[in-house]
Structure formats: structure tokens, C-alpha cells
């Protein structure tokens, strides 16, 4: 923006402010101060404060929502998915099995389950990576209590600062990002990228919004009422913006339980946007 021939820096929008938070990318000037060469009037400060308050309220809502469903999550999930498609354990295990297959001979020493919830994936992480140190992060303390019962050895925390300077060899986010408010997705993914070790990798799994069965179930799931699915294209864009050096995507879950004998063919179909879910393997 130009004023009297001089360049004027526009006020930061909410997403940019989050992306530059002191936990992600420290500002080159004191927090709360205006950047050099800019003017920040009372109205702008009030608008920014309001936006930040709204984001905090949304984060609180997500936390409260999953605290509410912590003990009934498994039952509600089973009631939402039609009987012919419902495979409680398989949906949690297949992600870990796929991740292990794609890692091959790599032996990660420290794994983070980002958004682990009540720990449905933690027993499978323990099964497929028995020598790894397991960590779990979630904003819902009530869910973490249940996760601790499932895998007592896992190190669980509800405040991101709780990880300190720990670096992870692998981070998995299994159907988490559609619950994160749109403006907070990039900061969250950037945090994960920065928490990886030098050669670390992240696996992001999400629902495919173009699959009719997935959308039908998603729209009837009580704890997805305020969630918003993101496409593979959006996920890849976020990965690039977050600074990941390489990405390998693929679609998954093509065959329901009655056609389970075809599942060995799924890796050959990963480029077809027909699977119920997709993954993005990201390298730091």
C-alpha cells in the first residue's frame, strides 16, 4: 500500500500473526509493537485483539468438545459408521501399518502422535515400533487420561510447550487437521515441521471430501459438527508453506469390509482420488 508515494506496510491479518507467533517464528521487534514504518491505530489493535480472542474461543471449544466425547468416542464412532463399513480396529491400525511400510527399514527412536485423542492409535504404534519412545499430544486432558490407560508408557501432554526442545523422528496426525480452525492449520503444521529431527518425517492422514461415503459419514458424526474437511490439494499447499522439503501423497481405503480381499491392491490405486481417505508423507 502506498501513502504519499511512500510504502506503508498493511496490518497483519490473523493467520500471519499466528504464523509469526513467538513459539513458531520470533518477531524481529517486540511482541505487540508495530513494525517499523507502519501505523497501528486503536481500531486495528481492537480488531486484532478480537480476532485473537475468537481463535482462543475456538480452541477452547475444540478442547471442551473432545473432553465431552472422551469416554463415548468409540461408541459414537461405531454408531455413525454403517455396519457393513464399520471396522473399529482396522481404521486405527491401517494408518500405522501404512506408515511402517513406507518407512521401510528406518527405525525411529521417538514418535509423536499429534492429536492423539483417547489414544486409539497408540497401541498400534507400540506394536509396530516396539523400541520407539512414544509421545502423544492433544488439547483434551480428558482424552489423554484414557490414552494413558491404553499405553501407560506413552508420554502425553496437552500444552505444546510441554515438549520443550524435544525433536521427533516421526510425527503422525491421523484425521486431526479437519478439527483445527482454518487459520490455525498452517501454524500447527509449521510447529510439527519444526519439532522434527533433521531427517524427520511427518504423516498426515485426512478424509477425502470427494468420496461420497466419507462425506455421508462425516456429516452425521456428532464430533465433526464444527469440523471442515480439507482436500489433498489443500494439504499439499499447507505442507509447502510449512517448509517441508518433499511430499509423497496417496489415496487409501478403497475397499470396505465386504471387499477386504482386494486391499493388497490399494497401493497401486493411490493416485485415484476415490479412496475414503488420503495421506501425505512429508520430509523435513
Protein backbone atom coordinates (compact mmCIF):
# COMPACT_ATOMS: atom_id res chain seq x y z
CA UNK A 1 0.00 0.00 0.00
CA UNK A 2 1.31 3.47 -0.86
CA UNK A 3 0.65 6.71 1.01
CA UNK A 4 2.05 9.95 -0.48
CA UNK A 5 4.46 7.92 -2.55
CA UNK A 6 5.77 6.03 0.49
CA UNK A 7 5.37 2.31 1.05
CA UNK A 8 3.17 1.50 4.03
CA UNK A 9 3.05 -1.99 5.48
CA UNK A 10 -0.51 -3.27 5.74
CA UNK A 11 -1.79 -4.51 9.13
CA UNK A 12 -1.10 -8.18 9.66
CA UNK A 13 -4.05 -10.49 9.23
CA UNK A 14 -4.85 -13.10 11.86
CA UNK A 15 -3.24 -16.04 10.04
CA UNK A 16 0.02 -14.14 9.55
CA UNK A 17 0.06 -13.11 13.21
CA UNK A 18 -0.32 -16.75 14.25
CA UNK A 19 2.37 -17.86 11.83
CA UNK A 20 4.74 -15.33 13.41
CA UNK A 21 3.93 -16.24 17.00
CA UNK A 22 6.96 -16.41 19.33
CA UNK A 23 6.62 -20.20 19.52
CA UNK A 24 7.00 -20.56 15.76
CA UNK A 25 8.97 -17.70 14.27
CA UNK A 26 10.08 -14.97 16.70
CA UNK A 27 9.27 -11.44 15.60
CA UNK A 28 12.22 -9.15 14.82
CA UNK A 29 10.58 -6.48 17.01
CA UNK A 30 8.95 -6.66 20.45
CA UNK A 31 5.73 -8.63 20.60
CA UNK A 32 2.74 -6.31 20.48
CA UNK A 33 4.71 -3.44 18.94
CA UNK A 34 4.13 -2.10 15.46
CA UNK A 35 6.60 -3.00 12.69
CA UNK A 36 8.94 -0.16 11.65
CA UNK A 37 7.36 2.21 9.16
CA UNK A 38 3.77 1.23 9.95
CA UNK A 39 0.92 2.89 11.82
CA UNK A 40 -1.31 0.83 14.07
CA UNK A 41 -4.32 2.75 15.38
CA UNK A 42 -6.66 1.78 18.22
CA UNK A 43 -9.26 0.33 15.85
CA UNK A 44 -6.69 -2.02 14.27
CA UNK A 45 -5.44 -3.14 17.69
CA UNK A 46 -9.03 -3.78 18.82
CA UNK A 47 -9.76 -5.79 15.66
CA UNK A 48 -6.62 -7.88 16.11
CA UNK A 49 -7.41 -8.50 19.78
CA UNK A 50 -10.93 -9.56 18.85
CA UNK A 51 -9.65 -11.98 16.22
CA UNK A 52 -7.16 -13.50 18.65
CA UNK A 53 -9.90 -13.85 21.27
CA UNK A 54 -12.13 -15.60 18.74
CA UNK A 55 -9.34 -18.04 17.86
CA UNK A 56 -8.81 -18.75 21.57
CA UNK A 57 -12.53 -19.37 21.99
CA UNK A 58 -12.50 -21.78 19.04
CA UNK A 59 -9.54 -23.64 20.52
CA UNK A 60 -11.37 -23.82 23.86
CA UNK A 61 -14.47 -25.11 22.06
CA UNK A 62 -12.47 -27.91 20.42
CA UNK A 63 -10.94 -28.80 23.79
CA UNK A 64 -14.31 -28.79 25.55
CA UNK A 65 -15.92 -30.73 22.72
CA UNK A 66 -13.44 -33.57 22.89
CA UNK A 67 -13.44 -33.57 26.68
CA UNK A 68 -17.18 -34.14 26.35
CA UNK A 69 -16.76 -37.06 23.92
CA UNK A 70 -13.65 -38.60 25.50
CA UNK A 71 -15.44 -41.55 27.10
CA UNK A 72 -18.03 -42.05 24.36
CA UNK A 73 -15.86 -41.50 21.26
CA UNK A 74 -15.51 -45.17 20.30
CA UNK A 75 -19.23 -45.88 20.77
CA UNK A 76 -20.35 -42.81 18.80
CA UNK A 77 -17.93 -43.64 16.01
CA UNK A 78 -19.36 -47.15 15.80
CA UNK A 79 -22.92 -45.82 15.72
CA UNK A 80 -22.11 -43.32 12.95
CA UNK A 81 -20.50 -45.77 10.52
CA UNK A 82 -22.88 -48.22 8.78
CA UNK A 83 -22.50 -51.84 9.88
CA UNK A 84 -21.13 -53.00 6.53
CA UNK A 85 -18.35 -50.39 6.65
CA UNK A 86 -17.54 -50.43 10.36
CA UNK A 87 -14.16 -51.91 11.29
CA UNK A 88 -13.23 -50.29 14.56
CA UNK A 89 -9.69 -51.57 14.96
CA UNK A 90 -8.83 -51.62 11.27
CA UNK A 91 -9.31 -47.88 10.75
CA UNK A 92 -6.83 -47.13 13.53
CA UNK A 93 -4.31 -49.82 12.63
CA UNK A 94 -4.13 -49.37 8.86
CA UNK A 95 -2.60 -45.89 9.20
CA UNK A 96 0.20 -47.16 11.44
CA UNK A 97 0.78 -50.19 9.20
CA UNK A 98 0.96 -47.97 6.10
CA UNK A 99 3.38 -45.62 7.84
CA UNK A 100 5.59 -48.52 8.93
CA UNK A 101 5.61 -49.93 5.39
CA UNK A 102 6.61 -46.58 3.90
CA UNK A 103 9.37 -46.10 6.47
CA UNK A 104 10.80 -49.48 5.49
CA UNK A 105 13.97 -50.29 7.40
CA UNK A 106 14.04 -46.96 9.21
CA UNK A 107 13.83 -47.31 12.99
CA UNK A 108 12.52 -44.08 14.50
CA UNK A 109 13.63 -43.58 18.08
CA UNK A 110 10.96 -41.04 19.04
CA UNK A 111 7.41 -40.82 17.59
CA UNK A 112 4.75 -38.19 18.27
CA UNK A 113 1.05 -38.88 17.79
CA UNK A 114 -0.15 -35.31 17.13
CA UNK A 115 -3.80 -35.01 18.17
CA UNK A 116 -3.76 -38.49 19.69
CA UNK A 117 -7.15 -38.06 21.36
CA UNK A 118 -8.05 -41.04 23.54
CA UNK A 119 -5.07 -42.95 22.15
CA UNK A 120 -6.72 -45.22 19.59
CA UNK A 121 -3.54 -45.28 17.53
CA UNK A 122 -1.03 -45.58 20.38
CA UNK A 123 -1.35 -49.38 20.89
CA UNK A 124 -0.58 -49.89 17.20
CA UNK A 125 2.39 -47.54 17.37
CA UNK A 126 3.62 -49.66 20.28
CA UNK A 127 3.02 -52.82 18.24
CA UNK A 128 4.74 -51.69 15.03
CA UNK A 129 7.51 -49.67 16.70
CA UNK A 130 8.23 -51.55 19.96
CA UNK A 131 11.61 -49.88 20.52
CA UNK A 132 10.46 -46.32 19.92
CA UNK A 133 9.77 -43.71 22.57
CA UNK A 134 6.09 -42.80 22.17
CA UNK A 135 4.66 -39.34 22.77
CA UNK A 136 1.11 -38.08 22.41
CA UNK A 137 -0.21 -34.52 22.16
CA UNK A 138 -3.85 -33.45 22.40
CA UNK A 139 -5.73 -30.37 23.60
CA UNK A 140 -8.21 -32.55 25.53
CA UNK A 141 -6.93 -33.56 29.00
CA UNK A 142 -9.92 -35.89 29.45
CA UNK A 143 -8.95 -37.77 26.29
CA UNK A 144 -5.33 -38.02 27.43
CA UNK A 145 -6.43 -39.73 30.65
CA UNK A 146 -7.96 -42.52 28.58
CA UNK A 147 -4.90 -42.63 26.29
CA UNK A 148 -2.67 -43.09 29.35
CA UNK A 149 -4.66 -46.19 30.30
CA UNK A 150 -4.24 -47.67 26.82
CA UNK A 151 -0.47 -47.19 26.64
CA UNK A 152 0.96 -46.30 30.06
CA UNK A 153 4.49 -45.87 28.72
CA UNK A 154 3.46 -43.05 26.32
CA UNK A 155 4.46 -39.53 27.32
CA UNK A 156 1.35 -37.41 26.97
CA UNK A 157 0.89 -33.63 27.11
CA UNK A 158 -1.89 -31.10 26.45
CA UNK A 159 0.28 -27.97 26.25
CA UNK A 160 2.59 -27.79 23.23
CA UNK A 161 5.25 -26.18 25.39
CA UNK A 162 5.36 -29.44 27.32
CA UNK A 163 7.54 -30.97 24.60
CA UNK A 164 10.18 -28.29 25.12
CA UNK A 165 13.05 -28.68 22.65
CA UNK A 166 12.40 -32.39 22.05
CA UNK A 167 12.78 -33.44 18.41
CA UNK A 168 10.82 -36.30 16.87
CA UNK A 169 11.91 -38.71 14.15
CA UNK A 170 8.31 -39.27 13.05
CA UNK A 171 5.10 -37.34 13.66
CA UNK A 172 1.71 -38.74 12.70
CA UNK A 173 -1.51 -36.70 12.57
CA UNK A 174 -4.40 -39.10 11.98
CA UNK A 175 -7.60 -37.29 10.98
CA UNK A 176 -6.73 -34.28 13.12
CA UNK A 177 -6.43 -31.24 10.86
CA UNK A 178 -10.09 -31.07 9.87
CA UNK A 179 -10.76 -30.24 13.53
CA UNK A 180 -8.25 -27.37 13.55
CA UNK A 181 -9.70 -23.95 12.60
CA UNK A 182 -8.62 -23.00 9.08
CA UNK A 183 -6.49 -20.04 10.19
CA UNK A 184 -4.58 -22.24 12.67
CA UNK A 185 -3.75 -25.11 10.33
CA UNK A 186 -0.58 -23.62 8.89
CA UNK A 187 0.82 -22.59 12.29
CA UNK A 188 0.04 -26.08 13.63
CA UNK A 189 1.75 -27.80 10.71
CA UNK A 190 4.70 -25.42 10.99
CA UNK A 191 5.06 -26.35 14.65
CA UNK A 192 5.20 -30.01 13.66
CA UNK A 193 7.78 -29.31 10.96
CA UNK A 194 10.00 -27.50 13.45
CA UNK A 195 9.60 -30.30 16.00
CA UNK A 196 11.05 -32.89 13.62
CA UNK A 197 14.66 -34.06 13.79
CA UNK A 198 17.00 -33.24 10.91
CA UNK A 199 15.87 -36.23 8.83
CA UNK A 200 12.42 -36.49 10.36
CA UNK A 201 9.19 -37.26 8.54
CA UNK A 202 5.54 -36.49 9.14
CA UNK A 203 2.50 -38.48 8.04
CA UNK A 204 -0.80 -36.63 7.72
CA UNK A 205 -3.99 -38.65 7.21
CA UNK A 206 -7.30 -36.99 6.34
CA UNK A 207 -10.76 -37.73 4.99
CA UNK A 208 -11.22 -37.41 1.24
CA UNK A 209 -14.01 -34.82 0.81
CA UNK A 210 -14.73 -36.10 -2.72
CA UNK A 211 -15.65 -39.60 -1.57
CA UNK A 212 -19.48 -39.78 -1.20
CA UNK A 213 -19.43 -42.40 1.58
CA UNK A 214 -16.87 -40.43 3.55
CA UNK A 215 -18.90 -37.24 3.28
CA UNK A 216 -22.11 -39.06 4.26
CA UNK A 217 -20.50 -40.39 7.45
CA UNK A 218 -18.70 -37.10 8.17
CA UNK A 219 -21.91 -35.07 8.03
CA UNK A 220 -23.61 -37.40 10.55
CA UNK A 221 -20.76 -37.63 13.04
CA UNK A 222 -21.55 -35.59 16.19
CA UNK A 223 -17.96 -34.60 16.95
CA UNK A 224 -17.41 -33.46 13.35
CA UNK A 225 -20.30 -30.98 13.51
CA UNK A 226 -18.00 -27.93 13.52
CA UNK A 227 -15.17 -29.53 11.54
CA UNK A 228 -14.23 -28.76 7.94
CA UNK A 229 -12.61 -31.32 5.66
CA UNK A 230 -9.58 -30.35 3.63
CA UNK A 231 -8.70 -31.70 0.21
CA UNK A 232 -5.40 -33.32 -0.72
CA UNK A 233 -4.60 -30.20 -2.78
CA UNK A 234 -5.04 -28.04 0.31
CA UNK A 235 -2.92 -30.38 2.43
CA UNK A 236 -0.09 -30.28 -0.12
CA UNK A 237 -0.25 -26.49 -0.22
CA UNK A 238 -0.03 -26.32 3.57
CA UNK A 239 2.94 -28.70 3.56
CA UNK A 240 4.79 -26.46 1.10
CA UNK A 241 4.04 -23.32 3.09
CA UNK A 242 5.13 -25.02 6.32
CA UNK A 243 8.57 -25.62 4.83
CA UNK A 244 8.59 -29.37 4.18
CA UNK A 245 11.20 -30.26 1.58
CA UNK A 246 9.34 -33.12 -0.13
CA UNK A 247 5.91 -34.70 -0.13
CA UNK A 248 4.56 -38.07 -1.24
CA UNK A 249 0.74 -38.28 -1.27
CA UNK A 250 -1.66 -41.11 -1.90
CA UNK A 251 -5.30 -42.11 -1.53
CA UNK A 252 -6.28 -45.03 0.70
CA UNK A 253 -9.27 -47.05 1.97
CA UNK A 254 -10.74 -48.05 -1.38
CA UNK A 255 -12.37 -51.31 -0.31
CA UNK A 256 -14.89 -51.75 2.55
CA UNK A 257 -15.00 -54.86 4.68
CA UNK A 258 -17.05 -56.99 2.22
CA UNK A 259 -14.30 -56.41 -0.38
CA UNK A 260 -11.36 -56.63 2.01
CA UNK A 261 -9.66 -59.32 -0.11
CA UNK A 262 -8.86 -56.57 -2.67
CA UNK A 263 -6.96 -54.42 -0.16
CA UNK A 264 -3.50 -55.64 -1.20
CA UNK A 265 -4.15 -53.75 -4.46
CA UNK A 266 -4.66 -50.40 -2.75
CA UNK A 267 -1.04 -49.17 -3.11
CA UNK A 268 -1.47 -49.50 -6.88
CA UNK A 269 -4.53 -47.22 -6.75
CA UNK A 270 -3.06 -44.45 -4.61
CA UNK A 271 -3.24 -41.86 -7.41
CA UNK A 272 -7.00 -42.33 -7.90
CA UNK A 273 -8.99 -39.73 -5.91
CA UNK A 274 -11.60 -42.33 -4.97
CA UNK A 275 -10.30 -43.61 -1.64
CA UNK A 276 -12.15 -42.75 1.57
CA UNK A 277 -9.02 -41.13 2.98
CA UNK A 278 -5.62 -39.88 1.85
CA UNK A 279 -2.16 -39.46 3.33
CA UNK A 280 0.72 -37.09 2.79
CA UNK A 281 4.22 -38.24 3.73
CA UNK A 282 6.34 -35.15 4.36
CA UNK A 283 10.11 -34.91 4.76
CA UNK A 284 11.75 -32.12 6.69
